[in-house]
Amino acid sequence: MTNNSCNLSAKTCKPCEGGVPSLEQSEIKRLLQELEGWERAGNEISKVYRFRNYYETMAFVNATAWISHHENHHPDLEVSYNHCRVRYSTHAIGGLSENDFICAAKIDRMLFTEC
């Protein structure tokens, strides 16, 4: 985890009800470079997390749900036996916001390192 990712994970999501523009391409590229293993596809970012078994996968899903509830910014999750794909997009603006990157960094921080 990079220091920039640690900076992102220290931020808090801001309410987004729409009416604000999505991030510019240059800003998306910069923020994506701060996250390890996250990829962009269209108007979302995603990452697959792999685990040893279903129990660990579900523990991850529950921890991710706690982060999402706390930040009031929720991902789409695709859950399988030993992996989970997390996808973020800010639906209210039809694109990516800083909130997507903040939550992605918080999930990585939860699993990989303390800043």
C-alpha atoms as a PDB file:
ATOM      1  CA  MET A   1       0.000   0.000   0.000  1.00  0.00           C
ATOM      2  CA  THR A   2       1.432   3.378  -0.962  1.00  0.00           C
ATOM      3  CA  ASN A   3       1.512   6.487   1.212  1.00  0.00           C
ATOM      4  CA  ASN A   4      -0.934   8.078  -1.238  1.00  0.00           C
ATOM      5  CA  SER A   5      -3.300   5.153  -0.741  1.00  0.00           C
ATOM      6  CA  CYS A   6      -2.970   5.665   3.009  1.00  0.00           C
ATOM      7  CA  ASN A   7      -3.911   9.312   2.477  1.00  0.00           C
ATOM      8  CA  LEU A   8      -6.981   8.247   0.491  1.00  0.00           C
ATOM      9  CA  SER A   9      -8.064   5.765   3.145  1.00  0.00           C
ATOM     10  CA  ALA A  10      -7.860   8.492   5.805  1.00  0.00           C
ATOM     11  CA  LYS A  11     -10.494  10.577   3.997  1.00  0.00           C
ATOM     12  CA  THR A  12     -14.248  10.375   4.479  1.00  0.00           C
ATOM     13  CA  CYS A  13     -16.794  10.137   1.682  1.00  0.00           C
ATOM     14  CA  LYS A  14     -18.824  13.241   0.921  1.00  0.00           C
ATOM     15  CA  PRO A  15     -22.553  12.955   0.169  1.00  0.00           C
ATOM     16  CA  CYS A  16     -23.233  12.859  -3.564  1.00  0.00           C
ATOM     17  CA  GLU A  17     -26.821  13.319  -4.673  1.00  0.00           C
ATOM     18  CA  GLY A  18     -25.988  14.040  -8.299  1.00  0.00           C
ATOM     19  CA  GLY A  19     -25.675  17.351 -10.086  1.00  0.00           C
ATOM     20  CA  VAL A  20     -21.888  17.305  -9.838  1.00  0.00           C
ATOM     21  CA  PRO A  21     -19.603  16.177 -12.633  1.00  0.00           C
ATOM     22  CA  SER A  22     -17.786  12.871 -12.507  1.00  0.00           C
ATOM     23  CA  LEU A  23     -14.003  12.954 -12.233  1.00  0.00           C
ATOM     24  CA  GLU A  24     -11.910  13.997 -15.203  1.00  0.00           C
ATOM     25  CA  GLN A  25      -9.911  11.291 -16.966  1.00  0.00           C
ATOM     26  CA  SER A  26      -6.600  12.682 -15.686  1.00  0.00           C
ATOM     27  CA  GLU A  27      -7.829  12.597 -12.080  1.00  0.00           C
ATOM     28  CA  ILE A  28      -9.143   9.039 -12.488  1.00  0.00           C
ATOM     29  CA  LYS A  29      -5.776   7.944 -13.850  1.00  0.00           C
ATOM     30  CA  ARG A  30      -3.921   9.627 -10.966  1.00  0.00           C
ATOM     31  CA  LEU A  31      -6.155   8.127  -8.279  1.00  0.00           C
ATOM     32  CA  LEU A  32      -6.062   4.676  -9.867  1.00  0.00           C
ATOM     33  CA  GLN A  33      -2.255   4.732  -9.665  1.00  0.00           C
ATOM     34  CA  GLU A  34      -2.599   5.127  -5.888  1.00  0.00           C
ATOM     35  CA  LEU A  35      -4.480   1.823  -5.609  1.00  0.00           C
ATOM     36  CA  GLU A  36      -2.889  -1.580  -6.055  1.00  0.00           C
ATOM     37  CA  GLY A  37      -4.690  -4.093  -8.260  1.00  0.00           C
ATOM     38  CA  TRP A  38      -7.750  -1.973  -9.031  1.00  0.00           C
ATOM     39  CA  GLU A  39      -8.795  -1.701 -12.670  1.00  0.00           C
ATOM     40  CA  ARG A  40     -11.038   0.658 -14.532  1.00  0.00           C
ATOM     41  CA  ALA A  41     -13.742  -0.548 -16.884  1.00  0.00           C
ATOM     42  CA  GLY A  42     -15.982   2.186 -18.230  1.00  0.00           C
ATOM     43  CA  ASN A  43     -17.577   4.125 -15.392  1.00  0.00           C
ATOM     44  CA  GLU A  44     -16.388   1.864 -12.591  1.00  0.00           C
ATOM     45  CA  ILE A  45     -13.332   0.519 -10.827  1.00  0.00           C
ATOM     46  CA  SER A  46     -13.060  -3.069  -9.657  1.00  0.00           C
ATOM     47  CA  LYS A  47     -10.825  -5.564  -7.931  1.00  0.00           C
ATOM     48  CA  VAL A  48     -11.045  -9.290  -7.228  1.00  0.00           C
ATOM     49  CA  TYR A  49     -10.041 -10.430  -3.746  1.00  0.00           C
ATOM     50  CA  ARG A  50      -9.178 -14.120  -3.312  1.00  0.00           C
ATOM     51  CA  PHE A  51      -9.520 -16.185  -0.125  1.00  0.00           C
ATOM     52  CA  ARG A  52      -8.906 -19.744   1.079  1.00  0.00           C
ATOM     53  CA  ASN A  53     -12.559 -20.601   1.629  1.00  0.00           C
ATOM     54  CA  TYR A  54     -16.145 -19.398   1.812  1.00  0.00           C
ATOM     55  CA  TYR A  55     -15.892 -18.410   5.471  1.00  0.00           C
ATOM     56  CA  GLU A  56     -13.038 -15.981   4.748  1.00  0.00           C
ATOM     57  CA  THR A  57     -14.882 -14.641   1.710  1.00  0.00           C
ATOM     58  CA  MET A  58     -17.984 -13.938   3.776  1.00  0.00           C
ATOM     59  CA  ALA A  59     -15.948 -12.318   6.553  1.00  0.00           C
ATOM     60  CA  PHE A  60     -14.527  -9.988   3.893  1.00  0.00           C
ATOM     61  CA  VAL A  61     -18.022  -9.260   2.544  1.00  0.00           C
ATOM     62  CA  ASN A  62     -19.274  -8.379   6.034  1.00  0.00           C
ATOM     63  CA  ALA A  63     -16.291  -6.124   6.730  1.00  0.00           C
ATOM     64  CA  THR A  64     -16.803  -4.436   3.359  1.00  0.00           C
ATOM     65  CA  ALA A  65     -20.483  -3.925   4.232  1.00  0.00           C
ATOM     66  CA  TRP A  66     -19.440  -2.229   7.485  1.00  0.00           C
ATOM     67  CA  ILE A  67     -17.123   0.155   5.623  1.00  0.00           C
ATOM     68  CA  SER A  68     -19.840   0.856   3.054  1.00  0.00           C
ATOM     69  CA  HIS A  69     -22.422   1.583   5.730  1.00  0.00           C
ATOM     70  CA  HIS A  70     -20.016   3.829   7.643  1.00  0.00           C
ATOM     71  CA  GLU A  71     -19.094   5.801   4.497  1.00  0.00           C
ATOM     72  CA  ASN A  72     -22.631   5.660   3.034  1.00  0.00           C
ATOM     73  CA  HIS A  73     -21.129   4.612  -0.293  1.00  0.00           C
ATOM     74  CA  HIS A  74     -21.913   1.100  -1.453  1.00  0.00           C
ATOM     75  CA  PRO A  75     -20.198  -1.164  -3.979  1.00  0.00           C
ATOM     76  CA  ASP A  76     -21.601  -3.905  -6.144  1.00  0.00           C
ATOM     77  CA  LEU A  77     -20.299  -7.244  -4.892  1.00  0.00           C
ATOM     78  CA  GLU A  78     -20.040 -10.526  -6.787  1.00  0.00           C
ATOM     79  CA  VAL A  79     -19.512 -13.278  -4.227  1.00  0.00           C
ATOM     80  CA  SER A  80     -18.219 -16.781  -4.952  1.00  0.00           C
ATOM     81  CA  TYR A  81     -16.803 -19.574  -2.820  1.00  0.00           C
ATOM     82  CA  ASN A  82     -13.238 -18.259  -2.580  1.00  0.00           C
ATOM     83  CA  HIS A  83     -13.330 -14.800  -4.113  1.00  0.00           C
ATOM     84  CA  CYS A  84     -15.270 -11.566  -4.263  1.00  0.00           C
ATOM     85  CA  ARG A  85     -15.258  -8.905  -6.972  1.00  0.00           C
ATOM     86  CA  VAL A  86     -15.820  -5.396  -5.652  1.00  0.00           C
ATOM     87  CA  ARG A  87     -17.045  -2.762  -8.101  1.00  0.00           C
ATOM     88  CA  TYR A  88     -17.395   0.926  -7.319  1.00  0.00           C
ATOM     89  CA  SER A  89     -19.138   3.632  -9.303  1.00  0.00           C
ATOM     90  CA  THR A  90     -21.068   6.684  -8.209  1.00  0.00           C
ATOM     91  CA  HIS A  91     -24.435   5.939  -9.773  1.00  0.00           C
ATOM     92  CA  ALA A  92     -25.904   9.362  -8.897  1.00  0.00           C
ATOM     93  CA  ILE A  93     -23.453  11.032 -11.298  1.00  0.00           C
ATOM     94  CA  GLY A  94     -23.083   8.224 -13.829  1.00  0.00           C
ATOM     95  CA  GLY A  95     -19.340   7.954 -13.353  1.00  0.00           C
ATOM     96  CA  LEU A  96     -16.523   7.934 -10.858  1.00  0.00           C
ATOM     97  CA  SER A  97     -16.137  10.225  -7.858  1.00  0.00           C
ATOM     98  CA  GLU A  98     -13.436  10.498  -5.233  1.00  0.00           C
ATOM     99  CA  ASN A  99     -15.739   8.454  -2.952  1.00  0.00           C
ATOM    100  CA  ASP A 100     -15.114   5.375  -5.109  1.00  0.00           C
ATOM    101  CA  PHE A 101     -11.368   5.648  -4.606  1.00  0.00           C
ATOM    102  CA  ILE A 102     -11.671   6.420  -0.893  1.00  0.00           C
ATOM    103  CA  CYS A 103     -13.707   3.263  -0.286  1.00  0.00           C
ATOM    104  CA  ALA A 104     -11.392   1.159  -2.450  1.00  0.00           C
ATOM    105  CA  ALA A 105      -8.417   2.360  -0.392  1.00  0.00           C
ATOM    106  CA  LYS A 106     -10.264   1.633   2.868  1.00  0.00           C
ATOM    107  CA  ILE A 107     -10.938  -1.955   1.806  1.00  0.00           C
ATOM    108  CA  ASP A 108      -7.290  -2.459   0.833  1.00  0.00           C
ATOM    109  CA  ARG A 109      -6.147  -0.930   4.113  1.00  0.00           C
ATOM    110  CA  MET A 110      -8.420  -3.263   6.051  1.00  0.00           C
ATOM    111  CA  LEU A 111      -6.742  -6.295   4.467  1.00  0.00           C
ATOM    112  CA  PHE A 112      -3.156  -5.432   3.723  1.00  0.00           C
ATOM    113  CA  THR A 113      -1.552  -2.867   5.959  1.00  0.00           C
ATOM    114  CA  GLU A 114      -1.863  -0.203   8.534  1.00  0.00           C
ATOM    115  CA  CYS A 115      -0.841   3.278   7.545  1.00  0.00           C
END
